[in-house]
Amino acid sequence: MNIDQLKFPIGKFKSKGILSPEEISSNIQEIEELPQLLINSLESLDDNQLDTPYRPDGWTMRQVCHHIADSHLNAYCRFKLTLTEDLPEIRPYDQDKWADLIESSSAPVSISLNIISSIHARWVLALKNMNYEDWSRMYIHPEEKNKYSLHHLLATYAWHGKHHLNHILNLKKTKGWD
């Protein structure tokens, strides 16, 4: 596998713009299923395996798990801000610096798996109860100087979960840890 395939095992994210009700439902289902898929993929790994990078100069599997918790917690907050404020400006963060913090490189993955499970349960409840018009609500991303809809945010995080899950699954397969 070349480095681009290792970095983007399901390809780079491509926004479809406005999602159909069926696409919204499918993306919500992916977000709903992610916690259990992560638990299933990580529960049998020991500390040495969890501390293995999924690619050269990449994060370890432990850091990937903690990153998903950090990222999806931020995404959940971004959704809530966008649903409750007019055109909020979201707060970006440096994901690489967060991944370098001590708890991201050493804490048990069970902590973040619990966070992911809890956040996703709340998030999915909110997502399933949105009106179709709510999906067009917009937020501002200050680094990109652009406005995005909740259609975009939903699709981004459905992709994001699969993206990192495949980092884990591909490394397990490559190493014969299945």
N, C-alpha and C. Protein backbone atom coordinates (compact mmCIF):
# COMPACT_ATOMS: atom_id res chain seq x y z
N MET A 1 0.84 -1.18 0.00
CA MET A 1 0.00 0.00 0.00
C MET A 1 0.89 1.24 0.00
N ASN A 2 0.59 2.21 -0.87
CA ASN A 2 1.38 3.43 -0.88
C ASN A 2 0.92 4.36 0.24
N ILE A 3 1.67 5.44 0.47
CA ILE A 3 1.40 6.32 1.61
C ILE A 3 0.03 6.98 1.51
N ASP A 4 -0.42 7.34 0.31
CA ASP A 4 -1.75 7.94 0.17
C ASP A 4 -2.85 6.95 0.55
N GLN A 5 -2.67 5.68 0.19
CA GLN A 5 -3.65 4.66 0.57
C GLN A 5 -3.64 4.43 2.08
N LEU A 6 -2.46 4.54 2.69
CA LEU A 6 -2.37 4.40 4.14
C LEU A 6 -3.01 5.60 4.84
N LYS A 7 -2.80 6.79 4.29
CA LYS A 7 -3.38 8.00 4.88
C LYS A 7 -4.89 8.06 4.68
N PHE A 8 -5.35 7.69 3.50
CA PHE A 8 -6.77 7.82 3.13
C PHE A 8 -7.30 6.49 2.62
N PRO A 9 -7.49 5.53 3.52
CA PRO A 9 -7.88 4.18 3.08
C PRO A 9 -9.23 4.10 2.38
N ILE A 10 -10.11 5.08 2.60
CA ILE A 10 -11.41 5.09 1.90
C ILE A 10 -11.49 6.28 0.95
N GLY A 11 -10.35 6.92 0.69
CA GLY A 11 -10.30 8.10 -0.16
C GLY A 11 -10.52 9.37 0.65
N LYS A 12 -10.17 10.49 0.04
CA LYS A 12 -10.36 11.78 0.69
C LYS A 12 -11.85 12.14 0.71
N PHE A 13 -12.23 12.93 1.70
CA PHE A 13 -13.63 13.35 1.81
C PHE A 13 -14.02 14.22 0.62
N LYS A 14 -15.19 13.92 0.06
CA LYS A 14 -15.75 14.72 -1.03
C LYS A 14 -17.17 15.08 -0.64
N SER A 15 -17.43 16.36 -0.52
CA SER A 15 -18.76 16.81 -0.13
C SER A 15 -19.73 16.64 -1.29
N LYS A 16 -20.94 16.14 -0.97
CA LYS A 16 -21.98 16.01 -1.97
C LYS A 16 -22.91 17.22 -1.97
N GLY A 17 -22.65 18.16 -1.06
CA GLY A 17 -23.54 19.31 -0.95
C GLY A 17 -24.78 18.93 -0.18
N ILE A 18 -25.94 19.23 -0.75
CA ILE A 18 -27.22 18.93 -0.12
C ILE A 18 -27.46 17.43 -0.17
N LEU A 19 -27.77 16.85 0.99
CA LEU A 19 -28.03 15.41 1.07
C LEU A 19 -29.53 15.13 0.95
N SER A 20 -29.86 14.03 0.33
CA SER A 20 -31.26 13.59 0.29
C SER A 20 -31.63 13.04 1.66
N PRO A 21 -32.91 12.91 1.94
CA PRO A 21 -33.32 12.29 3.21
C PRO A 21 -32.71 10.89 3.39
N GLU A 22 -32.58 10.14 2.31
CA GLU A 22 -31.99 8.80 2.38
C GLU A 22 -30.51 8.88 2.72
N GLU A 23 -29.79 9.84 2.14
CA GLU A 23 -28.37 10.01 2.45
C GLU A 23 -28.19 10.47 3.90
N ILE A 24 -29.06 11.34 4.36
CA ILE A 24 -29.00 11.77 5.76
C ILE A 24 -29.18 10.56 6.67
N SER A 25 -30.18 9.74 6.40
CA SER A 25 -30.45 8.56 7.20
C SER A 25 -29.26 7.59 7.20
N SER A 26 -28.66 7.40 6.04
CA SER A 26 -27.51 6.51 5.92
C SER A 26 -26.32 7.04 6.72
N ASN A 27 -26.07 8.34 6.64
CA ASN A 27 -24.96 8.93 7.39
C ASN A 27 -25.20 8.85 8.90
N ILE A 28 -26.44 9.07 9.31
CA ILE A 28 -26.76 8.95 10.74
C ILE A 28 -26.53 7.52 11.20
N GLN A 29 -26.91 6.55 10.39
CA GLN A 29 -26.70 5.14 10.75
C GLN A 29 -25.21 4.84 10.91
N GLU A 30 -24.39 5.40 10.05
CA GLU A 30 -22.94 5.18 10.16
C GLU A 30 -22.40 5.77 11.46
N ILE A 31 -22.89 6.94 11.82
CA ILE A 31 -22.47 7.57 13.09
C ILE A 31 -22.96 6.73 14.27
N GLU A 32 -24.16 6.20 14.15
CA GLU A 32 -24.73 5.38 15.22
C GLU A 32 -23.95 4.07 15.41
N GLU A 33 -23.50 3.48 14.33
CA GLU A 33 -22.82 2.18 14.39
C GLU A 33 -21.34 2.28 14.76
N LEU A 34 -20.74 3.45 14.59
CA LEU A 34 -19.29 3.58 14.79
C LEU A 34 -18.81 3.13 16.17
N PRO A 35 -19.44 3.54 17.27
CA PRO A 35 -18.88 3.13 18.57
C PRO A 35 -18.69 1.63 18.72
N GLN A 36 -19.69 0.84 18.32
CA GLN A 36 -19.56 -0.61 18.48
C GLN A 36 -18.50 -1.17 17.53
N LEU A 37 -18.40 -0.62 16.34
CA LEU A 37 -17.36 -1.07 15.40
C LEU A 37 -15.97 -0.79 15.96
N LEU A 38 -15.79 0.37 16.59
CA LEU A 38 -14.50 0.69 17.21
C LEU A 38 -14.21 -0.24 18.38
N ILE A 39 -15.20 -0.46 19.22
CA ILE A 39 -15.02 -1.38 20.35
C ILE A 39 -14.60 -2.76 19.84
N ASN A 40 -15.31 -3.26 18.83
CA ASN A 40 -15.00 -4.58 18.27
C ASN A 40 -13.59 -4.63 17.68
N SER A 41 -13.14 -3.53 17.08
CA SER A 41 -11.84 -3.54 16.42
C SER A 41 -10.67 -3.35 17.38
N LEU A 42 -10.92 -2.77 18.56
CA LEU A 42 -9.83 -2.45 19.48
C LEU A 42 -9.77 -3.33 20.72
N GLU A 43 -10.87 -3.96 21.09
CA GLU A 43 -10.95 -4.63 22.39
C GLU A 43 -9.95 -5.76 22.59
N SER A 44 -9.53 -6.42 21.54
CA SER A 44 -8.63 -7.56 21.70
C SER A 44 -7.15 -7.18 21.61
N LEU A 45 -6.86 -5.89 21.41
CA LEU A 45 -5.46 -5.48 21.21
C LEU A 45 -4.78 -5.18 22.54
N ASP A 46 -3.50 -5.56 22.63
CA ASP A 46 -2.73 -5.26 23.83
C ASP A 46 -2.05 -3.89 23.68
N ASP A 47 -1.37 -3.46 24.72
CA ASP A 47 -0.75 -2.13 24.70
C ASP A 47 0.28 -1.97 23.59
N ASN A 48 1.07 -3.01 23.33
CA ASN A 48 2.06 -2.91 22.24
C ASN A 48 1.38 -2.71 20.89
N GLN A 49 0.29 -3.42 20.67
CA GLN A 49 -0.45 -3.26 19.42
C GLN A 49 -1.09 -1.88 19.35
N LEU A 50 -1.67 -1.41 20.45
CA LEU A 50 -2.30 -0.09 20.46
C LEU A 50 -1.29 1.03 20.24
N ASP A 51 -0.04 0.77 20.60
CA ASP A 51 1.00 1.79 20.44
C ASP A 51 1.75 1.66 19.11
N THR A 52 1.16 0.94 18.18
CA THR A 52 1.71 0.77 16.84
C THR A 52 1.09 1.81 15.90
N PRO A 53 1.94 2.58 15.19
CA PRO A 53 1.37 3.54 14.22
C PRO A 53 0.72 2.82 13.05
N TYR A 54 -0.35 3.41 12.55
CA TYR A 54 -1.04 2.79 11.42
C TYR A 54 -0.31 3.03 10.10
N ARG A 55 0.64 3.97 10.10
CA ARG A 55 1.49 4.23 8.93
C ARG A 55 2.77 4.87 9.42
N PRO A 56 3.83 4.89 8.59
CA PRO A 56 5.05 5.59 9.00
C PRO A 56 4.74 7.06 9.30
N ASP A 57 5.27 7.55 10.41
CA ASP A 57 5.06 8.92 10.87
C ASP A 57 3.59 9.24 11.15
N GLY A 58 2.80 8.21 11.37
CA GLY A 58 1.38 8.41 11.68
C GLY A 58 1.11 8.21 13.16
N TRP A 59 -0.13 8.44 13.55
CA TRP A 59 -0.55 8.23 14.92
C TRP A 59 -0.61 6.75 15.23
N THR A 60 -0.48 6.45 16.52
CA THR A 60 -0.68 5.07 16.94
C THR A 60 -2.18 4.77 16.95
N MET A 61 -2.51 3.51 17.07
CA MET A 61 -3.93 3.15 17.14
C MET A 61 -4.57 3.77 18.39
N ARG A 62 -3.81 3.87 19.46
CA ARG A 62 -4.30 4.51 20.69
C ARG A 62 -4.63 5.98 20.41
N GLN A 63 -3.71 6.68 19.74
CA GLN A 63 -3.93 8.09 19.42
C GLN A 63 -5.12 8.26 18.47
N VAL A 64 -5.29 7.36 17.54
CA VAL A 64 -6.44 7.42 16.62
C VAL A 64 -7.74 7.33 17.42
N CYS A 65 -7.81 6.40 18.35
CA CYS A 65 -9.02 6.25 19.17
C CYS A 65 -9.30 7.52 19.96
N HIS A 66 -8.27 8.07 20.61
CA HIS A 66 -8.46 9.29 21.40
C HIS A 66 -8.80 10.48 20.49
N HIS A 67 -8.21 10.50 19.31
CA HIS A 67 -8.53 11.56 18.34
C HIS A 67 -10.01 11.52 17.93
N ILE A 68 -10.52 10.33 17.70
CA ILE A 68 -11.94 10.22 17.32
C ILE A 68 -12.82 10.79 18.43
N ALA A 69 -12.49 10.49 19.67
CA ALA A 69 -13.27 11.04 20.79
C ALA A 69 -13.18 12.56 20.80
N ASP A 70 -11.97 13.11 20.66
CA ASP A 70 -11.79 14.56 20.63
C ASP A 70 -12.56 15.19 19.48
N SER A 71 -12.39 14.63 18.30
CA SER A 71 -12.98 15.19 17.09
C SER A 71 -14.50 15.13 17.12
N HIS A 72 -15.04 14.00 17.52
CA HIS A 72 -16.49 13.84 17.50
C HIS A 72 -17.17 14.61 18.63
N LEU A 73 -16.44 14.81 19.72
CA LEU A 73 -16.95 15.69 20.77
C LEU A 73 -17.07 17.12 20.23
N ASN A 74 -16.06 17.56 19.50
CA ASN A 74 -16.11 18.88 18.86
C ASN A 74 -17.22 18.95 17.81
N ALA A 75 -17.38 17.90 17.04
CA ALA A 75 -18.43 17.88 16.01
C ALA A 75 -19.81 17.99 16.64
N TYR A 76 -20.03 17.26 17.72
CA TYR A 76 -21.30 17.31 18.43
C TYR A 76 -21.58 18.74 18.91
N CYS A 77 -20.57 19.39 19.47
CA CYS A 77 -20.73 20.78 19.91
C CYS A 77 -21.01 21.70 18.72
N ARG A 78 -20.36 21.47 17.61
CA ARG A 78 -20.59 22.29 16.41
C ARG A 78 -22.03 22.14 15.91
N PHE A 79 -22.54 20.92 15.94
CA PHE A 79 -23.94 20.70 15.57
C PHE A 79 -24.87 21.48 16.48
N LYS A 80 -24.65 21.37 17.78
CA LYS A 80 -25.53 22.03 18.73
C LYS A 80 -25.45 23.56 18.60
N LEU A 81 -24.25 24.08 18.40
CA LEU A 81 -24.11 25.52 18.19
C LEU A 81 -24.87 25.96 16.95
N THR A 82 -24.75 25.19 15.88
CA THR A 82 -25.40 25.55 14.62
C THR A 82 -26.92 25.44 14.72
N LEU A 83 -27.40 24.52 15.52
CA LEU A 83 -28.85 24.37 15.71
C LEU A 83 -29.44 25.46 16.62
N THR A 84 -28.60 26.07 17.44
CA THR A 84 -29.13 27.00 18.45
C THR A 84 -28.70 28.44 18.26
N GLU A 85 -27.82 28.70 17.31
CA GLU A 85 -27.34 30.06 17.06
C GLU A 85 -27.43 30.36 15.57
N ASP A 86 -27.51 31.63 15.24
CA ASP A 86 -27.51 32.04 13.84
C ASP A 86 -26.09 32.20 13.35
N LEU A 87 -25.71 31.35 12.42
CA LEU A 87 -24.41 31.39 11.77
C LEU A 87 -23.24 31.50 12.76
N PRO A 88 -23.13 30.53 13.67
CA PRO A 88 -22.03 30.60 14.64
C PRO A 88 -20.67 30.38 13.98
N GLU A 89 -19.67 30.96 14.57
CA GLU A 89 -18.29 30.69 14.15
C GLU A 89 -17.76 29.62 15.09
N ILE A 90 -17.40 28.49 14.52
CA ILE A 90 -16.93 27.37 15.35
C ILE A 90 -15.50 27.63 15.79
N ARG A 91 -15.08 26.90 16.78
CA ARG A 91 -13.73 27.03 17.32
C ARG A 91 -12.87 25.89 16.81
N PRO A 92 -11.88 26.18 15.97
CA PRO A 92 -10.98 25.12 15.52
C PRO A 92 -9.99 24.73 16.63
N TYR A 93 -9.32 23.62 16.44
CA TYR A 93 -8.30 23.18 17.39
C TYR A 93 -7.21 22.46 16.60
N ASP A 94 -6.03 22.35 17.17
CA ASP A 94 -4.89 21.72 16.52
C ASP A 94 -4.90 20.23 16.88
N GLN A 95 -5.44 19.41 16.00
CA GLN A 95 -5.60 17.99 16.29
C GLN A 95 -4.26 17.29 16.54
N ASP A 96 -3.21 17.72 15.86
CA ASP A 96 -1.91 17.09 16.07
C ASP A 96 -1.36 17.38 17.46
N LYS A 97 -1.54 18.62 17.93
CA LYS A 97 -1.09 18.95 19.29
C LYS A 97 -1.93 18.21 20.33
N TRP A 98 -3.24 18.09 20.06
CA TRP A 98 -4.08 17.33 20.99
C TRP A 98 -3.62 15.87 21.05
N ALA A 99 -3.26 15.30 19.89
CA ALA A 99 -2.83 13.90 19.83
C ALA A 99 -1.49 13.70 20.53
N ASP A 100 -0.70 14.76 20.66
CA ASP A 100 0.59 14.66 21.34
C ASP A 100 0.50 14.82 22.85
N LEU A 101 -0.66 15.23 23.37
CA LEU A 101 -0.80 15.35 24.81
C LEU A 101 -0.71 13.98 25.47
N ILE A 102 -0.26 13.96 26.71
CA ILE A 102 0.06 12.70 27.37
C ILE A 102 -1.10 11.72 27.43
N GLU A 103 -2.32 12.22 27.67
CA GLU A 103 -3.43 11.26 27.78
C GLU A 103 -3.76 10.65 26.42
N SER A 104 -3.47 11.36 25.33
CA SER A 104 -3.74 10.79 24.01
C SER A 104 -2.74 9.71 23.63
N SER A 105 -1.56 9.78 24.22
CA SER A 105 -0.55 8.77 23.88
C SER A 105 -0.41 7.68 24.93
N SER A 106 -1.15 7.81 26.06
CA SER A 106 -0.95 6.80 27.10
C SER A 106 -2.23 6.29 27.77
N ALA A 107 -3.32 7.01 27.71
CA ALA A 107 -4.54 6.59 28.42
C ALA A 107 -5.12 5.33 27.79
N PRO A 108 -5.78 4.52 28.60
CA PRO A 108 -6.46 3.35 28.04
C PRO A 108 -7.51 3.79 27.01
N VAL A 109 -7.64 3.03 25.92
CA VAL A 109 -8.62 3.39 24.89
C VAL A 109 -10.05 3.26 25.41
N SER A 110 -10.24 2.48 26.46
CA SER A 110 -11.60 2.33 27.01
C SER A 110 -12.19 3.66 27.43
N ILE A 111 -11.36 4.59 27.87
CA ILE A 111 -11.85 5.91 28.27
C ILE A 111 -12.49 6.61 27.07
N SER A 112 -11.77 6.63 25.95
CA SER A 112 -12.31 7.30 24.76
C SER A 112 -13.43 6.51 24.12
N LEU A 113 -13.38 5.19 24.21
CA LEU A 113 -14.49 4.39 23.68
C LEU A 113 -15.78 4.71 24.44
N ASN A 114 -15.66 4.93 25.74
CA ASN A 114 -16.83 5.33 26.53
C ASN A 114 -17.33 6.71 26.11
N ILE A 115 -16.41 7.64 25.88
CA ILE A 115 -16.79 8.99 25.43
C ILE A 115 -17.49 8.89 24.08
N ILE A 116 -16.90 8.15 23.16
CA ILE A 116 -17.47 8.02 21.81
C ILE A 116 -18.87 7.41 21.90
N SER A 117 -19.02 6.36 22.68
CA SER A 117 -20.33 5.72 22.82
C SER A 117 -21.36 6.70 23.38
N SER A 118 -20.99 7.44 24.39
CA SER A 118 -21.92 8.38 25.02
C SER A 118 -22.25 9.56 24.11
N ILE A 119 -21.23 10.15 23.52
CA ILE A 119 -21.46 11.30 22.62
C ILE A 119 -22.31 10.86 21.43
N HIS A 120 -22.00 9.73 20.86
CA HIS A 120 -22.75 9.27 19.69
C HIS A 120 -24.21 8.97 20.05
N ALA A 121 -24.45 8.45 21.24
CA ALA A 121 -25.84 8.19 21.65
C ALA A 121 -26.62 9.49 21.71
N ARG A 122 -26.04 10.52 22.31
CA ARG A 122 -26.71 11.82 22.38
C ARG A 122 -26.83 12.44 20.99
N TRP A 123 -25.74 12.38 20.24
CA TRP A 123 -25.69 12.99 18.92
C TRP A 123 -26.74 12.38 18.00
N VAL A 124 -26.82 11.06 17.98
CA VAL A 124 -27.78 10.37 17.11
C VAL A 124 -29.21 10.73 17.50
N LEU A 125 -29.47 10.84 18.78
CA LEU A 125 -30.80 11.25 19.22
C LEU A 125 -31.15 12.63 18.66
N ALA A 126 -30.19 13.55 18.73
CA ALA A 126 -30.42 14.89 18.16
C ALA A 126 -30.58 14.82 16.64
N LEU A 127 -29.71 14.07 15.97
CA LEU A 127 -29.75 13.99 14.51
C LEU A 127 -31.07 13.42 14.01
N LYS A 128 -31.54 12.38 14.66
CA LYS A 128 -32.78 11.73 14.22
C LYS A 128 -34.01 12.60 14.45
N ASN A 129 -33.88 13.62 15.26
CA ASN A 129 -35.03 14.47 15.56
C ASN A 129 -34.95 15.84 14.90
N MET A 130 -34.03 16.01 13.96
CA MET A 130 -33.94 17.26 13.23
C MET A 130 -34.98 17.30 12.11
N ASN A 131 -35.47 18.47 11.82
CA ASN A 131 -36.32 18.68 10.64
C ASN A 131 -35.43 18.80 9.42
N TYR A 132 -35.98 18.49 8.25
CA TYR A 132 -35.16 18.57 7.04
C TYR A 132 -34.59 19.98 6.84
N GLU A 133 -35.35 21.00 7.21
CA GLU A 133 -34.89 22.38 7.06
C GLU A 133 -33.68 22.67 7.94
N ASP A 134 -33.60 22.00 9.09
CA ASP A 134 -32.47 22.21 10.00
C ASP A 134 -31.13 21.89 9.35
N TRP A 135 -31.13 20.94 8.42
CA TRP A 135 -29.88 20.52 7.79
C TRP A 135 -29.24 21.64 6.98
N SER A 136 -30.02 22.63 6.60
CA SER A 136 -29.49 23.76 5.81
C SER A 136 -28.90 24.86 6.69
N ARG A 137 -29.02 24.73 8.01
CA ARG A 137 -28.43 25.73 8.90
C ARG A 137 -26.92 25.75 8.67
N MET A 138 -26.35 26.93 8.80
CA MET A 138 -24.94 27.13 8.44
C MET A 138 -24.11 27.56 9.65
N TYR A 139 -22.81 27.25 9.57
CA TYR A 139 -21.83 27.73 10.53
C TYR A 139 -20.64 28.25 9.74
N ILE A 140 -19.78 28.98 10.40
CA ILE A 140 -18.58 29.53 9.76
C ILE A 140 -17.36 28.81 10.33
N HIS A 141 -16.50 28.37 9.43
CA HIS A 141 -15.21 27.81 9.84
C HIS A 141 -14.17 28.90 9.66
N PRO A 142 -13.62 29.47 10.75
CA PRO A 142 -12.76 30.65 10.63
C PRO A 142 -11.44 30.40 9.90
N GLU A 143 -10.89 29.20 10.00
CA GLU A 143 -9.62 28.93 9.32
C GLU A 143 -9.81 28.86 7.81
N GLU A 144 -10.93 28.32 7.40
CA GLU A 144 -11.20 28.16 5.97
C GLU A 144 -11.96 29.34 5.38
N LYS A 145 -12.40 30.25 6.26
CA LYS A 145 -13.14 31.45 5.83
C LYS A 145 -14.32 31.06 4.93
N ASN A 146 -15.04 30.05 5.38
CA ASN A 146 -16.13 29.54 4.57
C ASN A 146 -17.33 29.20 5.44
N LYS A 147 -18.51 29.18 4.83
CA LYS A 147 -19.74 28.76 5.49
C LYS A 147 -20.03 27.32 5.07
N TYR A 148 -20.50 26.53 6.03
CA TYR A 148 -20.86 25.15 5.75
C TYR A 148 -22.22 24.85 6.37
N SER A 149 -22.94 23.93 5.74
CA SER A 149 -24.25 23.52 6.26
C SER A 149 -24.09 22.27 7.12
N LEU A 150 -25.14 21.96 7.83
CA LEU A 150 -25.14 20.72 8.62
C LEU A 150 -25.17 19.48 7.72
N HIS A 151 -25.61 19.63 6.48
CA HIS A 151 -25.47 18.54 5.49
C HIS A 151 -24.00 18.16 5.39
N HIS A 152 -23.18 19.18 5.21
CA HIS A 152 -21.73 18.99 5.05
C HIS A 152 -21.12 18.39 6.31
N LEU A 153 -21.50 18.92 7.47
CA LEU A 153 -20.92 18.45 8.73
C LEU A 153 -21.29 16.99 8.99
N LEU A 154 -22.53 16.62 8.72
CA LEU A 154 -22.95 15.23 8.89
C LEU A 154 -22.13 14.30 8.00
N ALA A 155 -22.04 14.64 6.73
CA ALA A 155 -21.30 13.79 5.79
C ALA A 155 -19.82 13.71 6.17
N THR A 156 -19.26 14.82 6.62
CA THR A 156 -17.85 14.85 7.02
C THR A 156 -17.60 13.85 8.15
N TYR A 157 -18.46 13.84 9.15
CA TYR A 157 -18.19 12.99 10.31
C TYR A 157 -18.61 11.54 10.10
N ALA A 158 -19.54 11.28 9.22
CA ALA A 158 -19.80 9.89 8.83
C ALA A 158 -18.55 9.34 8.13
N TRP A 159 -17.98 10.16 7.22
CA TRP A 159 -16.74 9.77 6.54
C TRP A 159 -15.60 9.64 7.56
N HIS A 160 -15.47 10.59 8.46
CA HIS A 160 -14.36 10.63 9.41
C HIS A 160 -14.29 9.35 10.24
N GLY A 161 -15.43 8.90 10.73
CA GLY A 161 -15.44 7.67 11.51
C GLY A 161 -14.97 6.47 10.70
N LYS A 162 -15.49 6.33 9.48
CA LYS A 162 -15.07 5.22 8.60
C LYS A 162 -13.59 5.32 8.25
N HIS A 163 -13.14 6.54 8.00
CA HIS A 163 -11.74 6.82 7.64
C HIS A 163 -10.80 6.25 8.72
N HIS A 164 -11.06 6.61 9.97
CA HIS A 164 -10.17 6.15 11.04
C HIS A 164 -10.41 4.70 11.42
N LEU A 165 -11.63 4.22 11.33
CA LEU A 165 -11.88 2.81 11.56
C LEU A 165 -11.07 1.97 10.58
N ASN A 166 -11.00 2.42 9.34
CA ASN A 166 -10.23 1.67 8.34
C ASN A 166 -8.73 1.76 8.58
N HIS A 167 -8.23 2.82 9.21
CA HIS A 167 -6.82 2.83 9.62
C HIS A 167 -6.56 1.66 10.57
N ILE A 168 -7.46 1.48 11.51
CA ILE A 168 -7.33 0.42 12.50
C ILE A 168 -7.46 -0.95 11.85
N LEU A 169 -8.51 -1.14 11.06
CA LEU A 169 -8.76 -2.44 10.43
C LEU A 169 -7.66 -2.83 9.46
N ASN A 170 -7.15 -1.86 8.70
CA ASN A 170 -6.08 -2.17 7.74
C ASN A 170 -4.79 -2.57 8.45
N LEU A 171 -4.45 -1.88 9.55
CA LEU A 171 -3.25 -2.25 10.28
C LEU A 171 -3.40 -3.64 10.89
N LYS A 172 -4.57 -3.91 11.46
CA LYS A 172 -4.80 -5.25 12.03
C LYS A 172 -4.63 -6.33 10.97
N LYS A 173 -5.17 -6.07 9.79
CA LYS A 173 -5.08 -7.05 8.69
C LYS A 173 -3.62 -7.22 8.26
N THR A 174 -2.92 -6.11 8.07
CA THR A 174 -1.52 -6.14 7.65
C THR A 174 -0.66 -6.91 8.65
N LYS A 175 -0.92 -6.69 9.93
CA LYS A 175 -0.13 -7.33 10.99
C LYS A 175 -0.63 -8.73 11.35
N GLY A 176 -1.76 -9.14 10.78
CA GLY A 176 -2.31 -10.46 11.11
C GLY A 176 -2.90 -10.53 12.50
N TRP A 177 -3.46 -9.40 12.97
CA TRP A 177 -4.02 -9.34 14.32
C TRP A 177 -5.52 -9.65 14.35
N ASP A 178 -6.07 -10.10 13.25
CA ASP A 178 -7.51 -10.40 13.20
C ASP A 178 -7.86 -11.63 13.99
